[in-house]
Amino acid sequence: MTRLRAIAPLLVAAVLTAIAVVTVKSAGCDDPGRYELVAGGYQLVGGCIAPGDIVVPEPAPVPAPLPAAGEAPEKG
């Protein structure tokens, strides 16, 4: 039983590694792409990711600052 406890994490790691390798090999991307230096930084050229594939949510609105501890809110 002690030997099984020592070997089990290694077997799980080996299985997960095999699954990761198979996943990458079967991803179906012939051109992995490359990064090129442009004026504002780096840009991905080629590859299997199109600009619309990654959705970036709009930033949340910034809340109004709270009044200082000694100030009372305006009435009106």
C-alpha atoms as a PDB file:
ATOM      1  CA  MET A   1       0.000   0.000   0.000  1.00  0.00           C
ATOM      2  CA  THR A   2       2.893   2.375   0.755  1.00  0.00           C
ATOM      3  CA  ARG A   3       4.407   1.703  -2.657  1.00  0.00           C
ATOM      4  CA  LEU A   4       1.086   2.567  -4.334  1.00  0.00           C
ATOM      5  CA  ARG A   5       0.946   5.881  -2.457  1.00  0.00           C
ATOM      6  CA  ALA A   6       4.444   6.697  -3.676  1.00  0.00           C
ATOM      7  CA  ILE A   7       3.783   5.738  -7.303  1.00  0.00           C
ATOM      8  CA  ALA A   8       0.224   7.087  -7.719  1.00  0.00           C
ATOM      9  CA  PRO A   9       1.216  10.782  -8.077  1.00  0.00           C
ATOM     10  CA  LEU A  10       3.829   9.834 -10.677  1.00  0.00           C
ATOM     11  CA  LEU A  11       1.284   7.814 -12.660  1.00  0.00           C
ATOM     12  CA  VAL A  12      -1.236  10.665 -12.540  1.00  0.00           C
ATOM     13  CA  ALA A  13       1.432  13.126 -13.704  1.00  0.00           C
ATOM     14  CA  ALA A  14       2.420  10.819 -16.565  1.00  0.00           C
ATOM     15  CA  VAL A  15      -1.193  10.429 -17.685  1.00  0.00           C
ATOM     16  CA  LEU A  16      -1.794  14.195 -17.557  1.00  0.00           C
ATOM     17  CA  THR A  17       1.404  14.782 -19.534  1.00  0.00           C
ATOM     18  CA  ALA A  18       0.316  12.293 -22.188  1.00  0.00           C
ATOM     19  CA  ILE A  19      -3.097  13.968 -22.432  1.00  0.00           C
ATOM     20  CA  ALA A  20      -1.437  17.392 -22.819  1.00  0.00           C
ATOM     21  CA  VAL A  21       0.850  16.143 -25.593  1.00  0.00           C
ATOM     22  CA  VAL A  22      -2.043  14.524 -27.479  1.00  0.00           C
ATOM     23  CA  THR A  23      -4.117  17.700 -27.086  1.00  0.00           C
ATOM     24  CA  VAL A  24      -1.362  19.890 -28.511  1.00  0.00           C
ATOM     25  CA  LYS A  25      -0.640  17.517 -31.391  1.00  0.00           C
ATOM     26  CA  SER A  26      -4.314  17.294 -32.344  1.00  0.00           C
ATOM     27  CA  ALA A  27      -4.986  21.044 -32.055  1.00  0.00           C
ATOM     28  CA  GLY A  28      -4.987  21.304 -35.853  1.00  0.00           C
ATOM     29  CA  CYS A  29      -2.870  24.415 -36.229  1.00  0.00           C
ATOM     30  CA  ASP A  30      -0.344  24.141 -39.055  1.00  0.00           C
ATOM     31  CA  ASP A  31       1.123  27.622 -38.504  1.00  0.00           C
ATOM     32  CA  PRO A  32       1.976  28.259 -34.845  1.00  0.00           C
ATOM     33  CA  GLY A  33       2.623  31.953 -35.589  1.00  0.00           C
ATOM     34  CA  ARG A  34       5.416  34.220 -34.467  1.00  0.00           C
ATOM     35  CA  TYR A  35       5.789  37.519 -32.649  1.00  0.00           C
ATOM     36  CA  GLU A  36       7.252  40.494 -34.507  1.00  0.00           C
ATOM     37  CA  LEU A  37       8.436  43.754 -32.992  1.00  0.00           C
ATOM     38  CA  VAL A  38       6.273  46.724 -34.042  1.00  0.00           C
ATOM     39  CA  ALA A  39       6.218  50.360 -32.909  1.00  0.00           C
ATOM     40  CA  GLY A  40       4.002  49.766 -29.846  1.00  0.00           C
ATOM     41  CA  GLY A  41       5.424  46.406 -28.736  1.00  0.00           C
ATOM     42  CA  TYR A  42       4.979  42.929 -30.166  1.00  0.00           C
ATOM     43  CA  GLN A  43       2.355  41.662 -32.588  1.00  0.00           C
ATOM     44  CA  LEU A  44       1.342  38.058 -33.284  1.00  0.00           C
ATOM     45  CA  VAL A  45       1.727  37.273 -36.982  1.00  0.00           C
ATOM     46  CA  GLY A  46       0.146  34.099 -38.343  1.00  0.00           C
ATOM     47  CA  GLY A  47      -1.088  31.356 -36.107  1.00  0.00           C
ATOM     48  CA  CYS A  48      -4.551  29.982 -35.566  1.00  0.00           C
ATOM     49  CA  ILE A  49      -5.941  32.821 -33.452  1.00  0.00           C
ATOM     50  CA  ALA A  50      -7.940  35.516 -35.227  1.00  0.00           C
ATOM     51  CA  PRO A  51      -8.498  38.939 -33.610  1.00  0.00           C
ATOM     52  CA  GLY A  52     -12.141  38.095 -32.826  1.00  0.00           C
ATOM     53  CA  ASP A  53     -11.335  34.792 -31.100  1.00  0.00           C
ATOM     54  CA  ILE A  54     -10.361  36.399 -27.800  1.00  0.00           C
ATOM     55  CA  VAL A  55     -13.116  38.486 -26.251  1.00  0.00           C
ATOM     56  CA  VAL A  56     -11.939  41.177 -23.856  1.00  0.00           C
ATOM     57  CA  PRO A  57     -14.713  42.659 -21.704  1.00  0.00           C
ATOM     58  CA  GLU A  58     -15.115  46.411 -21.396  1.00  0.00           C
ATOM     59  CA  PRO A  59     -13.487  47.788 -18.238  1.00  0.00           C
ATOM     60  CA  ALA A  60     -15.846  48.446 -15.348  1.00  0.00           C
ATOM     61  CA  PRO A  61     -16.750  52.088 -14.734  1.00  0.00           C
ATOM     62  CA  VAL A  62     -14.707  53.800 -12.058  1.00  0.00           C
ATOM     63  CA  PRO A  63     -16.887  54.595  -9.011  1.00  0.00           C
ATOM     64  CA  ALA A  64     -17.105  58.187  -7.803  1.00  0.00           C
ATOM     65  CA  PRO A  65     -14.729  58.974  -4.945  1.00  0.00           C
ATOM     66  CA  LEU A  66     -16.198  58.969  -1.458  1.00  0.00           C
ATOM     67  CA  PRO A  67     -16.387  62.314   0.373  1.00  0.00           C
ATOM     68  CA  ALA A  68     -13.727  63.021   2.970  1.00  0.00           C
ATOM     69  CA  ALA A  69     -14.514  62.083   6.570  1.00  0.00           C
ATOM     70  CA  GLY A  70     -15.309  65.673   7.674  1.00  0.00           C
ATOM     71  CA  GLU A  71     -17.362  66.695   4.638  1.00  0.00           C
ATOM     72  CA  ALA A  72     -21.124  66.369   4.479  1.00  0.00           C
ATOM     73  CA  PRO A  73     -22.812  65.563   1.173  1.00  0.00           C
ATOM     74  CA  GLU A  74     -24.460  68.488  -0.624  1.00  0.00           C
ATOM     75  CA  LYS A  75     -28.212  68.845  -0.319  1.00  0.00           C
ATOM     76  CA  GLY A  76     -30.189  69.747  -3.326  1.00  0.00           C
END
